[in-house]
């Protein structure tokens, strides 16, 4: 079975960039370390599906602590709407994470951020989804 990191690598077509660094981070509750989470995606002005601007909040399914797990926005942007991520099966709990690709650059040690993807796997049915992309 394909894991979530492999799914994220496929979403970003990582095989086309073999010299770049791909860093995957799973989202976990900051308080108790549990996964999965209920994800609330807050969309801000200026964003698109391919270039997300906004925040993602994760509410732990175990201790119910809510944590900001991603912020890709700025003070000049305004909240447009928010959505709770829901799977096709109707469940709203996901194991989730983000993959970032860093392009190699001789002048910058470690390279520079090029793009990213936030992915999830439904805790109910196992369906994988690419929620949004960052650029």
N, C-alpha and C. Protein backbone atom coordinates (compact mmCIF):
# COMPACT_ATOMS: atom_id res chain seq x y z
N UNK A 1 0.84 -1.18 0.00
CA UNK A 1 0.00 0.00 0.00
C UNK A 1 0.89 1.25 0.00
N UNK A 2 0.52 2.23 -0.82
CA UNK A 2 1.28 3.45 -0.95
C UNK A 2 1.06 4.32 0.29
N UNK A 3 2.15 4.82 0.88
CA UNK A 3 1.98 5.67 2.07
C UNK A 3 1.75 7.12 1.68
N UNK A 4 1.46 7.95 2.65
CA UNK A 4 1.11 9.34 2.41
C UNK A 4 2.26 10.14 1.81
N UNK A 5 3.48 9.89 2.26
CA UNK A 5 4.63 10.59 1.69
C UNK A 5 4.80 10.25 0.22
N UNK A 6 4.65 9.00 -0.14
CA UNK A 6 4.77 8.58 -1.54
C UNK A 6 3.67 9.25 -2.37
N UNK A 7 2.47 9.33 -1.85
CA UNK A 7 1.38 10.00 -2.53
C UNK A 7 1.74 11.47 -2.78
N UNK A 8 2.30 12.15 -1.76
CA UNK A 8 2.70 13.55 -1.90
C UNK A 8 3.80 13.70 -2.96
N UNK A 9 4.76 12.79 -2.96
CA UNK A 9 5.83 12.82 -3.97
C UNK A 9 5.25 12.67 -5.37
N UNK A 10 4.25 11.80 -5.51
CA UNK A 10 3.59 11.64 -6.80
C UNK A 10 2.84 12.91 -7.20
N UNK A 11 2.20 13.57 -6.24
CA UNK A 11 1.46 14.80 -6.51
C UNK A 11 2.38 15.89 -7.07
N UNK A 12 3.59 15.98 -6.52
CA UNK A 12 4.54 17.00 -6.98
C UNK A 12 5.41 16.52 -8.14
N UNK A 13 5.16 15.29 -8.61
CA UNK A 13 5.96 14.73 -9.70
C UNK A 13 7.45 14.82 -9.38
N UNK A 14 7.80 14.37 -8.19
CA UNK A 14 9.16 14.47 -7.67
C UNK A 14 10.19 13.75 -8.54
N UNK A 15 9.76 12.72 -9.28
CA UNK A 15 10.70 11.99 -10.12
C UNK A 15 11.30 12.87 -11.20
N UNK A 16 10.64 13.97 -11.53
CA UNK A 16 11.17 14.91 -12.54
C UNK A 16 12.26 15.81 -11.97
N UNK A 17 12.43 15.77 -10.64
CA UNK A 17 13.39 16.65 -9.97
C UNK A 17 14.29 15.82 -9.03
N UNK A 18 15.07 14.90 -9.59
CA UNK A 18 15.85 13.99 -8.74
C UNK A 18 16.94 14.67 -7.93
N UNK A 19 17.38 15.86 -8.32
CA UNK A 19 18.45 16.55 -7.60
C UNK A 19 17.92 17.51 -6.54
N UNK A 20 16.61 17.68 -6.47
CA UNK A 20 16.03 18.58 -5.48
C UNK A 20 15.77 17.83 -4.19
N UNK A 21 15.67 18.59 -3.08
CA UNK A 21 15.35 18.00 -1.79
C UNK A 21 13.84 18.04 -1.59
N UNK A 22 13.28 16.93 -1.17
CA UNK A 22 11.85 16.83 -0.86
C UNK A 22 11.73 16.49 0.61
N UNK A 23 11.08 17.38 1.37
CA UNK A 23 10.97 17.19 2.81
C UNK A 23 9.50 17.01 3.17
N UNK A 24 9.18 15.87 3.80
CA UNK A 24 7.82 15.57 4.19
C UNK A 24 7.67 15.71 5.70
N UNK A 25 6.57 16.33 6.11
CA UNK A 25 6.27 16.52 7.53
C UNK A 25 4.83 16.10 7.78
N UNK A 26 4.64 15.13 8.68
CA UNK A 26 3.29 14.74 9.07
C UNK A 26 2.77 15.70 10.12
N UNK A 27 1.48 15.97 10.06
CA UNK A 27 0.84 16.82 11.05
C UNK A 27 0.44 15.98 12.25
N UNK A 28 0.84 16.44 13.43
CA UNK A 28 0.49 15.77 14.68
C UNK A 28 0.03 16.83 15.66
N UNK A 29 -0.79 16.44 16.58
CA UNK A 29 -1.23 17.34 17.64
C UNK A 29 -0.01 17.80 18.44
N UNK A 30 0.11 19.10 18.64
CA UNK A 30 1.24 19.63 19.41
C UNK A 30 1.14 19.28 20.89
N UNK A 31 -0.08 19.05 21.36
CA UNK A 31 -0.28 18.75 22.78
C UNK A 31 -0.02 17.28 23.11
N UNK A 32 -0.63 16.36 22.33
CA UNK A 32 -0.53 14.94 22.69
C UNK A 32 0.16 14.08 21.63
N UNK A 33 0.45 14.65 20.45
CA UNK A 33 1.16 13.91 19.41
C UNK A 33 0.28 12.98 18.59
N UNK A 34 -1.02 13.04 18.79
CA UNK A 34 -1.94 12.11 18.13
C UNK A 34 -2.25 12.55 16.70
N UNK A 35 -2.53 11.60 15.87
CA UNK A 35 -3.11 11.80 14.54
C UNK A 35 -4.28 10.83 14.50
N UNK A 36 -5.29 11.03 13.79
CA UNK A 36 -5.62 12.05 12.79
C UNK A 36 -6.24 13.30 13.39
N UNK A 37 -6.55 14.22 12.48
CA UNK A 37 -7.11 15.51 12.87
C UNK A 37 -8.27 15.90 11.98
N UNK A 38 -9.09 16.77 12.52
CA UNK A 38 -10.12 17.45 11.73
C UNK A 38 -9.45 18.71 11.20
N UNK A 39 -9.43 18.88 9.89
CA UNK A 39 -8.72 20.01 9.27
C UNK A 39 -9.70 21.09 8.84
N UNK A 40 -9.40 22.32 9.24
CA UNK A 40 -10.14 23.48 8.77
C UNK A 40 -9.19 24.29 7.91
N UNK A 41 -9.58 24.50 6.65
CA UNK A 41 -8.75 25.25 5.71
C UNK A 41 -9.34 26.64 5.56
N UNK A 42 -8.51 27.63 5.88
CA UNK A 42 -8.92 29.03 5.83
C UNK A 42 -8.29 29.65 4.58
N UNK A 43 -9.12 30.05 3.63
CA UNK A 43 -8.63 30.61 2.37
C UNK A 43 -8.54 32.13 2.49
N UNK A 44 -7.41 32.69 2.04
CA UNK A 44 -7.18 34.13 2.09
C UNK A 44 -7.12 34.70 0.67
N UNK A 45 -7.26 36.01 0.57
CA UNK A 45 -7.24 36.68 -0.74
C UNK A 45 -5.93 36.41 -1.45
N UNK A 46 -6.02 36.33 -2.78
CA UNK A 46 -4.83 36.16 -3.62
C UNK A 46 -4.41 34.73 -3.84
N UNK A 47 -5.11 33.78 -3.26
CA UNK A 47 -4.72 32.39 -3.41
C UNK A 47 -5.50 31.67 -4.50
N UNK A 48 -4.91 30.59 -5.00
CA UNK A 48 -5.55 29.69 -5.95
C UNK A 48 -5.28 28.26 -5.48
N UNK A 49 -5.88 27.29 -6.12
CA UNK A 49 -5.60 25.89 -5.74
C UNK A 49 -4.12 25.56 -5.94
N UNK A 50 -3.51 26.13 -6.96
CA UNK A 50 -2.10 25.85 -7.25
C UNK A 50 -1.15 26.73 -6.44
N UNK A 51 -1.66 27.78 -5.82
CA UNK A 51 -0.82 28.71 -5.05
C UNK A 51 -1.63 29.18 -3.84
N UNK A 52 -1.80 28.30 -2.89
CA UNK A 52 -2.61 28.54 -1.70
C UNK A 52 -2.10 29.71 -0.88
N UNK A 53 -3.02 30.52 -0.43
CA UNK A 53 -2.75 31.56 0.55
C UNK A 53 -3.77 31.38 1.66
N UNK A 54 -3.30 31.20 2.88
CA UNK A 54 -4.21 31.02 3.99
C UNK A 54 -3.59 30.23 5.12
N UNK A 55 -4.45 29.58 5.90
CA UNK A 55 -4.02 28.82 7.07
C UNK A 55 -4.75 27.49 7.12
N UNK A 56 -4.14 26.55 7.79
CA UNK A 56 -4.80 25.28 8.09
C UNK A 56 -4.74 25.07 9.60
N UNK A 57 -5.90 24.81 10.16
CA UNK A 57 -6.01 24.49 11.58
C UNK A 57 -6.32 23.01 11.71
N UNK A 58 -5.69 22.38 12.67
CA UNK A 58 -5.94 20.97 12.93
C UNK A 58 -6.50 20.78 14.32
N UNK A 59 -7.64 20.09 14.42
CA UNK A 59 -8.21 19.77 15.73
C UNK A 59 -7.98 18.28 15.99
N UNK A 60 -7.26 17.99 17.04
CA UNK A 60 -6.91 16.62 17.39
C UNK A 60 -8.16 15.79 17.68
N UNK A 61 -8.19 14.58 17.12
CA UNK A 61 -9.33 13.69 17.33
C UNK A 61 -9.33 13.08 18.74
N UNK A 62 -8.19 13.16 19.42
CA UNK A 62 -8.10 12.56 20.75
C UNK A 62 -8.32 13.58 21.86
N UNK A 63 -7.52 14.66 21.89
CA UNK A 63 -7.63 15.62 23.00
C UNK A 63 -8.40 16.89 22.61
N UNK A 64 -8.74 17.02 21.34
CA UNK A 64 -9.55 18.12 20.80
C UNK A 64 -8.84 19.48 20.81
N UNK A 65 -7.54 19.48 21.06
CA UNK A 65 -6.74 20.70 20.98
C UNK A 65 -6.70 21.16 19.51
N UNK A 66 -6.87 22.47 19.28
CA UNK A 66 -6.79 23.02 17.93
C UNK A 66 -5.48 23.79 17.79
N UNK A 67 -4.76 23.49 16.72
CA UNK A 67 -3.45 24.07 16.47
C UNK A 67 -3.37 24.58 15.05
N UNK A 68 -2.73 25.72 14.84
CA UNK A 68 -2.43 26.18 13.48
C UNK A 68 -1.27 25.34 12.98
N UNK A 69 -1.52 24.54 11.93
CA UNK A 69 -0.47 23.64 11.45
C UNK A 69 0.19 24.12 10.16
N UNK A 70 -0.40 25.12 9.53
CA UNK A 70 0.23 25.72 8.35
C UNK A 70 -0.27 27.14 8.21
N UNK A 71 0.65 28.05 7.95
CA UNK A 71 0.29 29.43 7.65
C UNK A 71 1.10 29.86 6.45
N UNK A 72 0.42 30.13 5.36
CA UNK A 72 1.07 30.54 4.11
C UNK A 72 0.32 31.78 3.64
N UNK A 73 0.55 32.89 4.34
CA UNK A 73 -0.22 34.10 4.09
C UNK A 73 0.60 35.30 4.55
N UNK A 74 -0.03 36.45 4.63
CA UNK A 74 0.61 37.66 5.13
C UNK A 74 -0.42 38.59 5.71
N UNK A 75 0.04 39.62 6.43
CA UNK A 75 -0.87 40.57 7.08
C UNK A 75 -1.74 41.32 6.09
N UNK A 76 -1.26 41.48 4.86
CA UNK A 76 -2.02 42.23 3.85
C UNK A 76 -3.16 41.40 3.24
N UNK A 77 -3.20 40.10 3.52
CA UNK A 77 -4.25 39.24 2.98
C UNK A 77 -5.42 39.16 3.96
N UNK A 78 -6.60 38.97 3.42
CA UNK A 78 -7.81 38.89 4.25
C UNK A 78 -8.46 37.52 4.07
N UNK A 79 -9.06 37.03 5.14
CA UNK A 79 -9.77 35.74 5.11
C UNK A 79 -11.00 35.88 4.20
N UNK A 80 -11.12 34.94 3.25
CA UNK A 80 -12.29 34.91 2.36
C UNK A 80 -13.34 33.92 2.85
N UNK A 81 -12.88 32.73 3.23
CA UNK A 81 -13.81 31.69 3.68
C UNK A 81 -13.00 30.59 4.37
N UNK A 82 -13.71 29.69 5.02
CA UNK A 82 -13.06 28.51 5.58
C UNK A 82 -13.92 27.29 5.32
N UNK A 83 -13.25 26.16 5.20
CA UNK A 83 -13.93 24.90 4.94
C UNK A 83 -13.35 23.81 5.83
N UNK A 84 -14.20 22.95 6.32
CA UNK A 84 -13.74 21.75 7.01
C UNK A 84 -13.54 20.68 5.94
N UNK A 85 -12.37 20.07 5.92
CA UNK A 85 -12.09 19.02 4.94
C UNK A 85 -12.97 17.81 5.23
N UNK A 86 -13.69 17.36 4.21
CA UNK A 86 -14.58 16.21 4.34
C UNK A 86 -14.30 15.26 3.18
N UNK A 87 -14.15 14.00 3.50
CA UNK A 87 -13.90 12.97 2.50
C UNK A 87 -15.20 12.64 1.75
N UNK A 88 -15.04 12.01 0.61
CA UNK A 88 -16.20 11.54 -0.17
C UNK A 88 -17.09 10.61 0.66
N UNK A 89 -16.47 9.90 1.62
CA UNK A 89 -17.24 8.96 2.45
C UNK A 89 -18.02 9.67 3.57
N UNK A 90 -17.80 10.97 3.72
CA UNK A 90 -18.51 11.74 4.73
C UNK A 90 -17.75 11.96 6.02
N UNK A 91 -16.61 11.32 6.20
CA UNK A 91 -15.81 11.49 7.43
C UNK A 91 -14.97 12.76 7.33
N UNK A 92 -14.59 13.31 8.49
CA UNK A 92 -13.80 14.54 8.48
C UNK A 92 -12.50 14.43 9.27
N UNK A 93 -11.99 13.23 9.48
CA UNK A 93 -10.72 13.04 10.17
C UNK A 93 -9.68 12.51 9.19
N UNK A 94 -8.52 13.16 9.20
CA UNK A 94 -7.46 12.81 8.25
C UNK A 94 -6.12 12.72 8.95
N UNK A 95 -5.31 11.76 8.52
CA UNK A 95 -3.89 11.81 8.76
C UNK A 95 -3.37 12.68 7.64
N UNK A 96 -2.61 13.71 7.97
CA UNK A 96 -2.24 14.69 6.94
C UNK A 96 -0.80 15.12 7.10
N UNK A 97 -0.30 15.75 6.05
CA UNK A 97 1.06 16.26 6.08
C UNK A 97 1.33 17.12 4.87
N UNK A 98 2.55 17.66 4.84
CA UNK A 98 2.94 18.50 3.71
C UNK A 98 4.30 18.06 3.19
N UNK A 99 4.45 18.21 1.91
CA UNK A 99 5.72 17.93 1.25
C UNK A 99 6.18 19.22 0.60
N UNK A 100 7.44 19.59 0.85
CA UNK A 100 8.02 20.77 0.24
C UNK A 100 9.19 20.37 -0.63
N UNK A 101 9.29 21.02 -1.79
CA UNK A 101 10.41 20.77 -2.69
C UNK A 101 11.32 21.98 -2.68
N UNK A 102 12.62 21.72 -2.45
CA UNK A 102 13.64 22.75 -2.45
C UNK A 102 14.56 22.53 -3.65
N UNK A 103 14.60 23.51 -4.51
CA UNK A 103 15.42 23.43 -5.72
C UNK A 103 16.87 23.68 -5.36
N UNK A 104 17.76 22.90 -5.95
CA UNK A 104 19.19 23.05 -5.71
C UNK A 104 19.67 24.37 -6.29
N UNK A 105 20.52 25.06 -5.55
CA UNK A 105 21.07 26.34 -6.01
C UNK A 105 22.48 26.47 -5.44
N UNK A 106 23.45 26.67 -6.32
CA UNK A 106 24.85 26.78 -5.87
C UNK A 106 25.06 27.92 -4.90
N UNK A 107 24.32 29.01 -5.06
CA UNK A 107 24.52 30.21 -4.24
C UNK A 107 23.78 30.17 -2.91
N UNK A 108 22.86 29.21 -2.77
CA UNK A 108 22.08 29.12 -1.53
C UNK A 108 22.22 27.72 -0.94
N UNK A 109 22.94 27.60 0.17
CA UNK A 109 23.06 26.28 0.80
C UNK A 109 21.67 25.74 1.16
N UNK A 110 21.40 24.53 0.78
CA UNK A 110 20.10 23.93 1.05
C UNK A 110 19.05 24.22 -0.01
N UNK A 111 19.39 25.11 -0.95
CA UNK A 111 18.47 25.43 -2.03
C UNK A 111 17.40 26.42 -1.59
N UNK A 112 16.37 26.57 -2.43
CA UNK A 112 15.27 27.48 -2.11
C UNK A 112 13.95 26.78 -2.34
N UNK A 113 12.95 27.19 -1.55
CA UNK A 113 11.62 26.60 -1.65
C UNK A 113 11.05 26.87 -3.04
N UNK A 114 10.55 25.82 -3.69
CA UNK A 114 9.96 25.97 -5.01
C UNK A 114 8.45 25.73 -4.98
N UNK A 115 8.03 24.62 -4.37
CA UNK A 115 6.61 24.30 -4.33
C UNK A 115 6.34 23.30 -3.22
N UNK A 116 5.05 23.17 -2.89
CA UNK A 116 4.66 22.22 -1.86
C UNK A 116 3.25 21.72 -2.09
N UNK A 117 2.89 20.69 -1.34
CA UNK A 117 1.54 20.13 -1.40
C UNK A 117 1.14 19.69 0.00
N UNK A 118 -0.13 19.87 0.33
CA UNK A 118 -0.70 19.37 1.57
C UNK A 118 -1.63 18.22 1.19
N UNK A 119 -1.38 17.06 1.78
CA UNK A 119 -2.13 15.85 1.45
C UNK A 119 -2.73 15.25 2.71
N UNK A 120 -3.72 14.40 2.51
CA UNK A 120 -4.33 13.72 3.63
C UNK A 120 -4.83 12.35 3.25
N UNK A 121 -5.01 11.52 4.28
CA UNK A 121 -5.60 10.19 4.11
C UNK A 121 -6.75 10.09 5.10
N UNK A 122 -7.93 9.81 4.58
CA UNK A 122 -9.13 9.71 5.41
C UNK A 122 -8.98 8.59 6.43
N UNK A 123 -9.28 8.91 7.68
CA UNK A 123 -9.20 7.90 8.74
C UNK A 123 -10.33 6.89 8.64
N UNK A 124 -11.38 7.23 7.88
CA UNK A 124 -12.50 6.32 7.73
C UNK A 124 -12.31 5.30 6.63
N UNK A 125 -12.02 5.77 5.42
CA UNK A 125 -11.97 4.86 4.26
C UNK A 125 -10.58 4.73 3.62
N UNK A 126 -9.62 5.56 4.03
CA UNK A 126 -8.27 5.47 3.48
C UNK A 126 -8.07 6.24 2.18
N UNK A 127 -9.09 6.92 1.69
CA UNK A 127 -8.96 7.73 0.47
C UNK A 127 -7.89 8.79 0.68
N UNK A 128 -7.03 8.97 -0.32
CA UNK A 128 -6.00 10.01 -0.26
C UNK A 128 -6.43 11.19 -1.10
N UNK A 129 -6.09 12.39 -0.61
CA UNK A 129 -6.51 13.59 -1.31
C UNK A 129 -5.38 14.63 -1.25
N UNK A 130 -5.23 15.37 -2.34
CA UNK A 130 -4.32 16.51 -2.35
C UNK A 130 -5.19 17.75 -2.11
N UNK A 131 -5.06 18.33 -0.93
CA UNK A 131 -5.91 19.44 -0.52
C UNK A 131 -5.55 20.73 -1.24
N UNK A 132 -4.26 21.04 -1.30
CA UNK A 132 -3.84 22.31 -1.88
C UNK A 132 -2.35 22.27 -2.18
N UNK A 133 -1.95 23.25 -3.00
CA UNK A 133 -0.55 23.38 -3.41
C UNK A 133 -0.04 24.77 -3.02
N UNK A 134 1.23 24.85 -2.66
CA UNK A 134 1.87 26.12 -2.36
C UNK A 134 2.98 26.35 -3.38
N UNK A 135 3.21 27.61 -3.69
CA UNK A 135 4.23 27.93 -4.70
C UNK A 135 5.00 29.16 -4.30
